Amino acid sequence: MKINSKEELNMVLNYCKVTPYSDVKDGGSFYKIKSQSFSFPDGSIQTREYLDKRKVSVVVPITEDGNIVFVIQPIALSDEGSLIEFPSGYWELNENGSQAGKRELSEETGYVPEQIIYLGSHYQDPGSIKQKVEIYLALGCKRLNEQHLDKGEFIKFVEIPYEMALELLDEGYLKDANSYIALSKSDRLIQKNIKTNNIS
């Protein structure tokens, strides 16, 4: 779905919104919590708890005509109930970051890139998560497949003009830190290479 205004974007965000259904309960099954003790410079021993997660790839997909592809999905723990983000997901066994990113992009949107560029990694929350998030820029994306979502996933995807995507960054629409960092890094690379007419 191509959209050209924030009014259209807000309609999709509202459509995807999730609302609370029950009270908060203790426990968990999706994430495992681990603990480990560390020796600090002052000689003290302190224990830290952290979420045990797989590595994650985030992909910034840009189509042949320069639009950026986003996904919109219900995010139960957000105040808004739904967020606009980039395609992302956990690495499967024996995958590297690029392979995971291309797979998640195809599964969530059906788009396939001509080229994928590694833009670096960052910690999502170094106080509670050990694994880093890897960022990729996917260029020349074409929609060649249908969505192939996991059970329980509800994802809409939209194509947004490049300049409008930058406005979303400035106006606070991108509330997911991974997506915020990914778009910032992608735009820096693109602006840097516009002068030399070379992205590689």
N, C-alpha and C. Protein backbone atom coordinates (compact mmCIF):
# COMPACT_ATOMS: atom_id res chain seq x y z
N MET A 1 0.85 -1.19 0.00
CA MET A 1 0.00 0.00 0.00
C MET A 1 0.88 1.24 0.00
N LYS A 2 0.74 2.09 -0.98
CA LYS A 2 1.48 3.35 -1.01
C LYS A 2 0.65 4.43 -0.35
N ILE A 3 1.30 5.19 0.51
CA ILE A 3 0.61 6.31 1.15
C ILE A 3 1.45 7.56 0.97
N ASN A 4 0.77 8.69 0.88
CA ASN A 4 1.46 9.95 0.61
C ASN A 4 1.14 11.04 1.62
N SER A 5 0.41 10.70 2.67
CA SER A 5 0.07 11.71 3.67
C SER A 5 0.05 11.08 5.06
N LYS A 6 0.22 11.91 6.06
CA LYS A 6 0.19 11.42 7.44
C LYS A 6 -1.23 11.05 7.86
N GLU A 7 -2.23 11.63 7.21
CA GLU A 7 -3.61 11.24 7.49
C GLU A 7 -3.83 9.78 7.13
N GLU A 8 -3.32 9.37 5.96
CA GLU A 8 -3.43 7.97 5.55
C GLU A 8 -2.64 7.07 6.49
N LEU A 9 -1.46 7.53 6.90
CA LEU A 9 -0.64 6.76 7.83
C LEU A 9 -1.35 6.57 9.16
N ASN A 10 -1.97 7.62 9.67
CA ASN A 10 -2.69 7.53 10.94
C ASN A 10 -3.85 6.54 10.87
N MET A 11 -4.49 6.45 9.72
CA MET A 11 -5.59 5.49 9.56
C MET A 11 -5.08 4.06 9.71
N VAL A 12 -3.91 3.77 9.11
CA VAL A 12 -3.36 2.42 9.21
C VAL A 12 -2.89 2.14 10.63
N LEU A 13 -2.27 3.13 11.28
CA LEU A 13 -1.84 2.96 12.66
C LEU A 13 -3.03 2.66 13.58
N ASN A 14 -4.13 3.37 13.38
CA ASN A 14 -5.32 3.14 14.20
C ASN A 14 -5.94 1.78 13.93
N TYR A 15 -5.90 1.36 12.67
CA TYR A 15 -6.46 0.05 12.32
C TYR A 15 -5.69 -1.07 12.99
N CYS A 16 -4.37 -0.90 13.11
CA CYS A 16 -3.51 -1.96 13.68
C CYS A 16 -3.41 -1.91 15.20
N LYS A 17 -4.07 -0.96 15.83
CA LYS A 17 -3.89 -0.74 17.26
C LYS A 17 -4.41 -1.90 18.10
N VAL A 18 -3.66 -2.26 19.14
CA VAL A 18 -4.06 -3.28 20.10
C VAL A 18 -4.51 -2.59 21.38
N THR A 19 -5.41 -3.21 22.12
CA THR A 19 -5.88 -2.66 23.39
C THR A 19 -5.75 -3.71 24.49
N PRO A 20 -5.56 -3.30 25.76
CA PRO A 20 -5.41 -4.26 26.86
C PRO A 20 -6.64 -5.16 26.98
N TYR A 21 -6.39 -6.43 27.32
CA TYR A 21 -7.46 -7.41 27.44
C TYR A 21 -7.56 -7.99 28.85
N SER A 22 -6.44 -8.00 29.57
CA SER A 22 -6.44 -8.57 30.92
C SER A 22 -5.51 -7.75 31.81
N ASP A 23 -5.49 -8.08 33.10
CA ASP A 23 -4.57 -7.46 34.04
C ASP A 23 -3.16 -8.02 33.84
N VAL A 24 -2.16 -7.33 34.39
CA VAL A 24 -0.78 -7.78 34.30
C VAL A 24 -0.56 -8.97 35.23
N LYS A 25 0.16 -9.98 34.72
CA LYS A 25 0.49 -11.17 35.51
C LYS A 25 1.99 -11.40 35.48
N ASP A 26 2.51 -12.04 36.53
CA ASP A 26 3.92 -12.41 36.57
C ASP A 26 4.14 -13.67 35.76
N GLY A 27 5.42 -13.88 35.35
CA GLY A 27 5.76 -15.10 34.61
C GLY A 27 6.17 -14.77 33.20
N GLY A 28 6.52 -15.78 32.42
CA GLY A 28 6.93 -15.55 31.05
C GLY A 28 7.25 -16.84 30.34
N SER A 29 7.10 -16.81 29.01
CA SER A 29 7.44 -17.98 28.21
C SER A 29 8.24 -17.61 26.96
N PHE A 30 8.03 -16.41 26.41
CA PHE A 30 8.73 -16.01 25.19
C PHE A 30 10.19 -15.69 25.47
N TYR A 31 10.45 -14.95 26.55
CA TYR A 31 11.81 -14.61 26.94
C TYR A 31 12.23 -15.42 28.15
N LYS A 32 13.51 -15.72 28.23
CA LYS A 32 14.09 -16.35 29.40
C LYS A 32 14.98 -15.33 30.10
N ILE A 33 14.88 -15.27 31.42
CA ILE A 33 15.71 -14.36 32.20
C ILE A 33 16.88 -15.14 32.80
N LYS A 34 18.09 -14.63 32.56
CA LYS A 34 19.29 -15.24 33.12
C LYS A 34 19.97 -14.25 34.05
N SER A 35 20.87 -14.75 34.89
CA SER A 35 21.63 -13.88 35.78
C SER A 35 23.09 -14.28 35.74
N GLN A 36 23.97 -13.31 35.96
CA GLN A 36 25.40 -13.54 35.94
C GLN A 36 26.06 -12.53 36.86
N SER A 37 27.12 -12.98 37.58
CA SER A 37 27.85 -12.09 38.48
C SER A 37 29.07 -11.53 37.77
N PHE A 38 29.42 -10.28 38.11
CA PHE A 38 30.55 -9.60 37.48
C PHE A 38 31.42 -8.95 38.55
N SER A 39 32.72 -8.89 38.28
CA SER A 39 33.65 -8.20 39.16
C SER A 39 33.84 -6.78 38.66
N PHE A 40 33.60 -5.79 39.51
CA PHE A 40 33.68 -4.39 39.14
C PHE A 40 35.04 -3.80 39.54
N PRO A 41 35.41 -2.66 38.96
CA PRO A 41 36.74 -2.07 39.23
C PRO A 41 37.02 -1.81 40.70
N ASP A 42 36.00 -1.58 41.50
CA ASP A 42 36.23 -1.31 42.93
C ASP A 42 36.36 -2.60 43.74
N GLY A 43 36.36 -3.76 43.07
CA GLY A 43 36.50 -5.03 43.75
C GLY A 43 35.19 -5.68 44.16
N SER A 44 34.08 -4.98 43.99
CA SER A 44 32.78 -5.54 44.37
C SER A 44 32.31 -6.56 43.34
N ILE A 45 31.51 -7.51 43.80
CA ILE A 45 30.88 -8.49 42.92
C ILE A 45 29.40 -8.18 42.89
N GLN A 46 28.88 -7.96 41.68
CA GLN A 46 27.47 -7.62 41.53
C GLN A 46 26.82 -8.54 40.50
N THR A 47 25.56 -8.86 40.76
CA THR A 47 24.81 -9.75 39.88
C THR A 47 23.86 -8.94 39.00
N ARG A 48 23.82 -9.30 37.75
CA ARG A 48 22.92 -8.63 36.81
C ARG A 48 22.01 -9.67 36.17
N GLU A 49 20.74 -9.31 36.02
CA GLU A 49 19.79 -10.15 35.29
C GLU A 49 19.60 -9.59 33.88
N TYR A 50 19.38 -10.49 32.92
CA TYR A 50 19.20 -10.02 31.55
C TYR A 50 18.29 -10.98 30.78
N LEU A 51 17.69 -10.45 29.72
CA LEU A 51 16.84 -11.26 28.85
C LEU A 51 17.73 -12.06 27.90
N ASP A 52 17.44 -13.33 27.77
CA ASP A 52 18.17 -14.18 26.83
C ASP A 52 17.44 -14.16 25.50
N LYS A 53 18.01 -13.48 24.52
CA LYS A 53 17.38 -13.32 23.21
C LYS A 53 18.35 -13.70 22.12
N ARG A 54 17.81 -13.99 20.94
CA ARG A 54 18.66 -14.18 19.77
C ARG A 54 19.00 -12.81 19.17
N LYS A 55 20.02 -12.79 18.32
CA LYS A 55 20.38 -11.56 17.64
C LYS A 55 19.25 -11.13 16.71
N VAL A 56 19.21 -9.83 16.43
CA VAL A 56 18.14 -9.24 15.62
C VAL A 56 18.74 -8.47 14.44
N SER A 57 18.10 -8.56 13.30
CA SER A 57 18.43 -7.72 12.14
C SER A 57 17.26 -6.78 11.85
N VAL A 58 17.60 -5.52 11.56
CA VAL A 58 16.63 -4.51 11.16
C VAL A 58 16.99 -4.06 9.74
N VAL A 59 16.00 -3.98 8.86
CA VAL A 59 16.25 -3.67 7.45
C VAL A 59 15.51 -2.39 7.06
N VAL A 60 16.23 -1.47 6.41
CA VAL A 60 15.64 -0.27 5.83
C VAL A 60 15.48 -0.52 4.33
N PRO A 61 14.26 -0.86 3.88
CA PRO A 61 14.06 -1.19 2.46
C PRO A 61 13.72 0.06 1.63
N ILE A 62 14.47 0.26 0.55
CA ILE A 62 14.20 1.36 -0.36
C ILE A 62 13.89 0.78 -1.73
N THR A 63 12.76 1.17 -2.29
CA THR A 63 12.32 0.62 -3.58
C THR A 63 13.09 1.24 -4.73
N GLU A 64 12.88 0.69 -5.92
CA GLU A 64 13.56 1.19 -7.12
C GLU A 64 13.25 2.66 -7.38
N ASP A 65 12.03 3.09 -7.03
CA ASP A 65 11.66 4.49 -7.27
C ASP A 65 11.87 5.37 -6.05
N GLY A 66 12.61 4.89 -5.05
CA GLY A 66 13.03 5.74 -3.95
C GLY A 66 12.10 5.82 -2.76
N ASN A 67 11.03 5.01 -2.73
CA ASN A 67 10.17 4.98 -1.55
C ASN A 67 10.78 4.10 -0.47
N ILE A 68 10.39 4.35 0.77
CA ILE A 68 10.84 3.53 1.88
C ILE A 68 9.68 2.66 2.35
N VAL A 69 9.96 1.39 2.59
CA VAL A 69 8.94 0.44 3.02
C VAL A 69 9.00 0.31 4.54
N PHE A 70 7.86 0.54 5.17
CA PHE A 70 7.71 0.37 6.61
C PHE A 70 6.69 -0.73 6.89
N VAL A 71 6.73 -1.26 8.10
CA VAL A 71 5.66 -2.15 8.56
C VAL A 71 4.95 -1.47 9.72
N ILE A 72 3.65 -1.75 9.82
CA ILE A 72 2.83 -1.26 10.93
C ILE A 72 2.19 -2.48 11.58
N GLN A 73 2.33 -2.58 12.90
CA GLN A 73 1.79 -3.74 13.57
C GLN A 73 1.38 -3.39 15.00
N PRO A 74 0.51 -4.21 15.59
CA PRO A 74 0.15 -4.00 16.99
C PRO A 74 1.37 -4.23 17.88
N ILE A 75 1.60 -3.31 18.80
CA ILE A 75 2.67 -3.46 19.79
C ILE A 75 2.01 -3.34 21.16
N ALA A 76 1.81 -4.48 21.80
CA ALA A 76 0.98 -4.52 23.00
C ALA A 76 1.52 -3.69 24.15
N LEU A 77 2.84 -3.57 24.27
CA LEU A 77 3.42 -2.87 25.42
C LEU A 77 3.67 -1.39 25.16
N SER A 78 3.27 -0.90 23.99
CA SER A 78 3.42 0.53 23.71
C SER A 78 2.17 1.27 24.18
N ASP A 79 2.34 2.53 24.53
CA ASP A 79 1.19 3.36 24.91
C ASP A 79 0.24 3.56 23.73
N GLU A 80 0.81 3.58 22.52
CA GLU A 80 0.01 3.87 21.32
C GLU A 80 -0.80 2.67 20.85
N GLY A 81 -0.36 1.46 21.14
CA GLY A 81 -1.07 0.25 20.71
C GLY A 81 -0.63 -0.28 19.36
N SER A 82 -0.02 0.58 18.53
CA SER A 82 0.55 0.16 17.25
C SER A 82 1.68 1.12 16.91
N LEU A 83 2.67 0.61 16.18
CA LEU A 83 3.82 1.44 15.83
C LEU A 83 4.20 1.22 14.37
N ILE A 84 4.82 2.23 13.79
CA ILE A 84 5.40 2.11 12.46
C ILE A 84 6.88 1.85 12.65
N GLU A 85 7.39 0.80 11.98
CA GLU A 85 8.75 0.35 12.18
C GLU A 85 9.33 -0.13 10.85
N PHE A 86 10.56 -0.62 10.91
CA PHE A 86 11.14 -1.30 9.76
C PHE A 86 11.03 -2.81 9.95
N PRO A 87 11.02 -3.57 8.85
CA PRO A 87 11.04 -5.03 8.98
C PRO A 87 12.24 -5.48 9.82
N SER A 88 12.00 -6.42 10.70
CA SER A 88 13.08 -6.88 11.58
C SER A 88 12.71 -8.25 12.13
N GLY A 89 13.70 -8.91 12.69
CA GLY A 89 13.42 -10.20 13.30
C GLY A 89 14.66 -10.89 13.80
N TYR A 90 14.42 -11.97 14.54
CA TYR A 90 15.51 -12.74 15.14
C TYR A 90 16.18 -13.63 14.10
N TRP A 91 17.48 -13.86 14.30
CA TRP A 91 18.22 -14.76 13.45
C TRP A 91 17.78 -16.20 13.71
N GLU A 92 17.63 -16.95 12.66
CA GLU A 92 17.39 -18.38 12.80
C GLU A 92 18.74 -19.11 12.92
N LEU A 93 18.69 -20.37 13.28
CA LEU A 93 19.89 -21.17 13.42
C LEU A 93 20.66 -21.19 12.08
N ASN A 94 21.97 -20.97 12.17
CA ASN A 94 22.88 -21.00 11.01
C ASN A 94 22.68 -19.83 10.04
N GLU A 95 21.96 -18.77 10.45
CA GLU A 95 21.83 -17.57 9.63
C GLU A 95 22.83 -16.53 10.08
N ASN A 96 23.27 -15.68 9.15
CA ASN A 96 23.98 -14.47 9.54
C ASN A 96 23.01 -13.30 9.48
N GLY A 97 23.49 -12.10 9.81
CA GLY A 97 22.60 -10.96 9.88
C GLY A 97 21.96 -10.58 8.56
N SER A 98 22.74 -10.65 7.48
CA SER A 98 22.22 -10.31 6.15
C SER A 98 21.14 -11.30 5.72
N GLN A 99 21.39 -12.57 5.93
CA GLN A 99 20.41 -13.60 5.56
C GLN A 99 19.13 -13.43 6.36
N ALA A 100 19.27 -13.18 7.65
CA ALA A 100 18.08 -12.98 8.50
C ALA A 100 17.30 -11.75 8.06
N GLY A 101 18.02 -10.67 7.74
CA GLY A 101 17.35 -9.45 7.31
C GLY A 101 16.57 -9.63 6.02
N LYS A 102 17.17 -10.28 5.03
CA LYS A 102 16.49 -10.52 3.75
C LYS A 102 15.28 -11.44 3.94
N ARG A 103 15.43 -12.45 4.79
CA ARG A 103 14.31 -13.36 5.04
C ARG A 103 13.15 -12.62 5.71
N GLU A 104 13.46 -11.85 6.75
CA GLU A 104 12.40 -11.12 7.45
C GLU A 104 11.73 -10.10 6.53
N LEU A 105 12.51 -9.43 5.70
CA LEU A 105 11.94 -8.47 4.75
C LEU A 105 10.95 -9.16 3.83
N SER A 106 11.33 -10.31 3.30
CA SER A 106 10.45 -11.04 2.39
C SER A 106 9.21 -11.56 3.11
N GLU A 107 9.40 -12.11 4.31
CA GLU A 107 8.26 -12.67 5.05
C GLU A 107 7.26 -11.60 5.44
N GLU A 108 7.75 -10.45 5.89
CA GLU A 108 6.86 -9.42 6.42
C GLU A 108 6.24 -8.55 5.33
N THR A 109 6.92 -8.43 4.18
CA THR A 109 6.42 -7.51 3.15
C THR A 109 6.33 -8.11 1.75
N GLY A 110 7.11 -9.14 1.46
CA GLY A 110 7.18 -9.69 0.11
C GLY A 110 8.22 -9.01 -0.77
N TYR A 111 8.92 -7.99 -0.25
CA TYR A 111 9.93 -7.28 -1.02
C TYR A 111 11.26 -8.03 -1.00
N VAL A 112 11.97 -7.94 -2.14
CA VAL A 112 13.28 -8.56 -2.28
C VAL A 112 14.25 -7.49 -2.77
N PRO A 113 15.43 -7.34 -2.13
CA PRO A 113 16.36 -6.29 -2.54
C PRO A 113 17.35 -6.76 -3.60
N GLU A 114 17.84 -5.81 -4.38
CA GLU A 114 18.94 -6.11 -5.31
C GLU A 114 20.28 -6.08 -4.58
N GLN A 115 20.36 -5.26 -3.53
CA GLN A 115 21.61 -5.09 -2.81
C GLN A 115 21.29 -4.86 -1.33
N ILE A 116 22.11 -5.41 -0.45
CA ILE A 116 21.92 -5.18 0.97
C ILE A 116 23.26 -4.79 1.58
N ILE A 117 23.26 -3.73 2.37
CA ILE A 117 24.48 -3.12 2.90
C ILE A 117 24.43 -3.11 4.42
N TYR A 118 25.47 -3.61 5.05
CA TYR A 118 25.57 -3.60 6.51
C TYR A 118 25.92 -2.21 6.99
N LEU A 119 25.15 -1.69 7.96
CA LEU A 119 25.36 -0.33 8.46
C LEU A 119 25.88 -0.28 9.89
N GLY A 120 26.12 -1.44 10.50
CA GLY A 120 26.63 -1.44 11.86
C GLY A 120 25.66 -2.07 12.84
N SER A 121 26.02 -2.02 14.12
CA SER A 121 25.20 -2.63 15.16
C SER A 121 25.15 -1.74 16.38
N HIS A 122 24.18 -1.98 17.23
CA HIS A 122 24.05 -1.22 18.47
C HIS A 122 23.36 -2.08 19.51
N TYR A 123 23.47 -1.67 20.76
CA TYR A 123 22.74 -2.33 21.84
C TYR A 123 21.35 -1.72 21.95
N GLN A 124 20.35 -2.56 22.03
CA GLN A 124 18.98 -2.07 22.20
C GLN A 124 18.77 -1.55 23.61
N ASP A 125 19.25 -2.29 24.58
CA ASP A 125 19.15 -1.90 25.99
C ASP A 125 20.26 -2.64 26.74
N PRO A 126 21.49 -2.06 26.78
CA PRO A 126 22.63 -2.78 27.34
C PRO A 126 22.51 -3.09 28.83
N GLY A 127 21.55 -2.49 29.50
CA GLY A 127 21.34 -2.81 30.91
C GLY A 127 20.58 -4.09 31.13
N SER A 128 19.90 -4.59 30.08
CA SER A 128 19.08 -5.79 30.29
C SER A 128 19.13 -6.78 29.13
N ILE A 129 19.81 -6.43 28.02
CA ILE A 129 19.89 -7.33 26.86
C ILE A 129 21.34 -7.34 26.38
N LYS A 130 21.94 -8.55 26.28
CA LYS A 130 23.35 -8.66 25.87
C LYS A 130 23.53 -8.58 24.36
N GLN A 131 22.57 -9.11 23.60
CA GLN A 131 22.72 -9.22 22.16
C GLN A 131 22.59 -7.85 21.46
N LYS A 132 23.38 -7.67 20.41
CA LYS A 132 23.31 -6.45 19.62
C LYS A 132 22.28 -6.58 18.50
N VAL A 133 21.86 -5.43 17.99
CA VAL A 133 20.96 -5.35 16.85
C VAL A 133 21.79 -4.92 15.64
N GLU A 134 21.66 -5.65 14.53
CA GLU A 134 22.38 -5.28 13.31
C GLU A 134 21.44 -4.57 12.35
N ILE A 135 21.97 -3.57 11.66
CA ILE A 135 21.17 -2.75 10.75
C ILE A 135 21.66 -2.94 9.31
N TYR A 136 20.69 -3.05 8.39
CA TYR A 136 21.00 -3.22 6.98
C TYR A 136 20.16 -2.26 6.14
N LEU A 137 20.78 -1.74 5.10
CA LEU A 137 20.09 -0.93 4.10
C LEU A 137 19.86 -1.82 2.88
N ALA A 138 18.61 -1.96 2.47
CA ALA A 138 18.25 -2.81 1.33
C ALA A 138 17.83 -1.91 0.16
N LEU A 139 18.60 -1.97 -0.93
CA LEU A 139 18.37 -1.09 -2.08
C LEU A 139 17.74 -1.85 -3.24
N GLY A 140 17.02 -1.11 -4.08
CA GLY A 140 16.41 -1.70 -5.27
C GLY A 140 15.35 -2.72 -4.96
N CYS A 141 14.58 -2.50 -3.91
CA CYS A 141 13.59 -3.49 -3.48
C CYS A 141 12.42 -3.58 -4.45
N LYS A 142 12.02 -4.81 -4.76
CA LYS A 142 10.84 -5.08 -5.58
C LYS A 142 9.94 -6.04 -4.82
N ARG A 143 8.64 -5.87 -4.98
CA ARG A 143 7.71 -6.80 -4.33
C ARG A 143 7.50 -7.99 -5.25
N LEU A 144 8.16 -9.10 -4.91
CA LEU A 144 8.11 -10.30 -5.74
C LEU A 144 7.32 -11.43 -5.09
N ASN A 145 7.06 -11.31 -3.79
CA ASN A 145 6.40 -12.39 -3.06
C ASN A 145 5.21 -11.86 -2.27
N GLU A 146 4.39 -12.78 -1.80
CA GLU A 146 3.33 -12.44 -0.86
C GLU A 146 3.91 -12.47 0.56
N GLN A 147 3.20 -11.83 1.49
CA GLN A 147 3.60 -11.94 2.89
C GLN A 147 3.56 -13.40 3.33
N HIS A 148 4.47 -13.76 4.22
CA HIS A 148 4.48 -15.11 4.80
C HIS A 148 4.68 -14.94 6.30
N LEU A 149 3.60 -14.66 7.00
CA LEU A 149 3.67 -14.30 8.42
C LEU A 149 3.58 -15.52 9.31
N ASP A 150 4.25 -15.43 10.47
CA ASP A 150 4.13 -16.48 11.48
C ASP A 150 2.75 -16.43 12.11
N LYS A 151 2.36 -17.53 12.72
CA LYS A 151 1.07 -17.58 13.41
C LYS A 151 1.05 -16.51 14.50
N GLY A 152 -0.01 -15.73 14.52
CA GLY A 152 -0.14 -14.68 15.51
C GLY A 152 0.40 -13.34 15.08
N GLU A 153 1.12 -13.28 13.95
CA GLU A 153 1.62 -12.00 13.46
C GLU A 153 0.53 -11.26 12.68
N PHE A 154 0.46 -9.97 12.88
CA PHE A 154 -0.49 -9.12 12.15
C PHE A 154 0.29 -7.91 11.69
N ILE A 155 0.64 -7.87 10.42
CA ILE A 155 1.53 -6.83 9.90
C ILE A 155 0.96 -6.24 8.61
N LYS A 156 0.86 -4.92 8.57
CA LYS A 156 0.57 -4.19 7.35
C LYS A 156 1.86 -3.53 6.90
N PHE A 157 2.08 -3.41 5.59
CA PHE A 157 3.27 -2.72 5.11
C PHE A 157 2.85 -1.57 4.21
N VAL A 158 3.64 -0.50 4.24
CA VAL A 158 3.32 0.70 3.47
C VAL A 158 4.59 1.22 2.81
N GLU A 159 4.43 1.80 1.63
CA GLU A 159 5.51 2.52 0.95
C GLU A 159 5.30 4.01 1.17
N ILE A 160 6.36 4.67 1.62
CA ILE A 160 6.27 6.09 1.94
C ILE A 160 7.37 6.83 1.18
N PRO A 161 7.05 7.98 0.58
CA PRO A 161 8.10 8.77 -0.09
C PRO A 161 9.24 9.08 0.87
N TYR A 162 10.46 9.12 0.33
CA TYR A 162 11.66 9.28 1.16
C TYR A 162 11.59 10.53 2.05
N GLU A 163 11.21 11.65 1.49
CA GLU A 163 11.17 12.89 2.28
C GLU A 163 10.13 12.82 3.39
N MET A 164 9.01 12.15 3.11
CA MET A 164 8.00 11.99 4.15
C MET A 164 8.52 11.11 5.28
N ALA A 165 9.33 10.10 4.94
CA ALA A 165 9.91 9.23 5.96
C ALA A 165 10.81 10.04 6.90
N LEU A 166 11.57 10.97 6.35
CA LEU A 166 12.42 11.82 7.19
C LEU A 166 11.58 12.73 8.08
N GLU A 167 10.42 13.16 7.58
CA GLU A 167 9.51 13.96 8.40
C GLU A 167 8.99 13.13 9.58
N LEU A 168 8.72 11.86 9.33
CA LEU A 168 8.26 10.98 10.42
C LEU A 168 9.30 10.89 11.51
N LEU A 169 10.57 10.86 11.11
CA LEU A 169 11.67 10.83 12.06
C LEU A 169 11.67 12.11 12.90
N ASP A 170 11.54 13.25 12.24
CA ASP A 170 11.60 14.54 12.94
C ASP A 170 10.37 14.79 13.80
N GLU A 171 9.22 14.26 13.38
CA GLU A 171 7.96 14.57 14.07
C GLU A 171 7.57 13.54 15.12
N GLY A 172 8.43 12.56 15.37
CA GLY A 172 8.18 11.63 16.46
C GLY A 172 7.30 10.44 16.14
N TYR A 173 7.05 10.18 14.86
CA TYR A 173 6.27 8.99 14.50
C TYR A 173 7.07 7.71 14.76
N LEU A 174 8.38 7.78 14.53
CA LEU A 174 9.23 6.61 14.75
C LEU A 174 9.63 6.54 16.21
N LYS A 175 8.86 5.78 16.98
CA LYS A 175 9.09 5.67 18.41
C LYS A 175 9.92 4.44 18.77
N ASP A 176 10.10 3.54 17.82
CA ASP A 176 10.93 2.36 18.02
C ASP A 176 12.39 2.76 17.83
N ALA A 177 13.21 2.56 18.87
CA ALA A 177 14.60 3.02 18.83
C ALA A 177 15.38 2.39 17.69
N ASN A 178 15.16 1.10 17.44
CA ASN A 178 15.89 0.43 16.36
C ASN A 178 15.59 1.08 15.01
N SER A 179 14.33 1.39 14.76
CA SER A 179 13.95 2.02 13.49
C SER A 179 14.50 3.43 13.40
N TYR A 180 14.48 4.15 14.51
CA TYR A 180 15.00 5.52 14.55
C TYR A 180 16.48 5.53 14.19
N ILE A 181 17.24 4.64 14.81
CA ILE A 181 18.67 4.55 14.55
C ILE A 181 18.92 4.10 13.11
N ALA A 182 18.13 3.12 12.65
CA ALA A 182 18.33 2.57 11.30
C ALA A 182 18.09 3.62 10.23
N LEU A 183 17.03 4.42 10.36
CA LEU A 183 16.77 5.45 9.36
C LEU A 183 17.82 6.54 9.41
N SER A 184 18.26 6.91 10.60
CA SER A 184 19.30 7.92 10.73
C SER A 184 20.60 7.48 10.06
N LYS A 185 21.00 6.22 10.31
CA LYS A 185 22.23 5.70 9.70
C LYS A 185 22.09 5.60 8.18
N SER A 186 20.93 5.14 7.73
CA SER A 186 20.71 5.00 6.30
C SER A 186 20.78 6.35 5.60
N ASP A 187 20.13 7.35 6.18
CA ASP A 187 20.12 8.66 5.54
C ASP A 187 21.52 9.27 5.52
N ARG A 188 22.29 9.06 6.56
CA ARG A 188 23.67 9.58 6.58
C ARG A 188 24.49 8.96 5.45
N LEU A 189 24.35 7.64 5.25
CA LEU A 189 25.08 6.99 4.17
C LEU A 189 24.62 7.50 2.81
N ILE A 190 23.31 7.63 2.63
CA ILE A 190 22.77 8.08 1.35
C ILE A 190 23.22 9.51 1.05
N GLN A 191 23.12 10.40 2.04
CA GLN A 191 23.53 11.79 1.81
C GLN A 191 25.02 11.89 1.52
N LYS A 192 25.81 11.08 2.20
CA LYS A 192 27.25 11.08 1.99
C LYS A 192 27.61 10.64 0.58
N ASN A 193 26.87 9.66 0.07
CA ASN A 193 27.21 9.09 -1.23
C ASN A 193 26.50 9.76 -2.40
N ILE A 194 25.52 10.62 -2.11
CA ILE A 194 24.88 11.38 -3.19
C ILE A 194 25.93 12.24 -3.90
N LYS A 195 26.88 12.76 -3.12
CA LYS A 195 27.90 13.64 -3.70
C LYS A 195 28.80 12.88 -4.67
N THR A 196 29.02 11.61 -4.39
CA THR A 196 29.91 10.82 -5.26
C THR A 196 29.12 9.92 -6.21
N ASN A 197 27.77 9.96 -6.05
CA ASN A 197 26.90 9.11 -6.88
C ASN A 197 27.29 7.64 -6.77
N ASN A 198 27.59 7.21 -5.53
CA ASN A 198 28.05 5.84 -5.33
C ASN A 198 27.62 5.35 -3.95
N ILE A 199 26.83 4.26 -3.93
CA ILE A 199 26.50 3.60 -2.69
C ILE A 199 26.92 2.15 -2.82
N SER A 200 27.86 1.74 -2.00
CA SER A 200 28.34 0.35 -2.07
C SER A 200 28.92 -0.06 -0.73
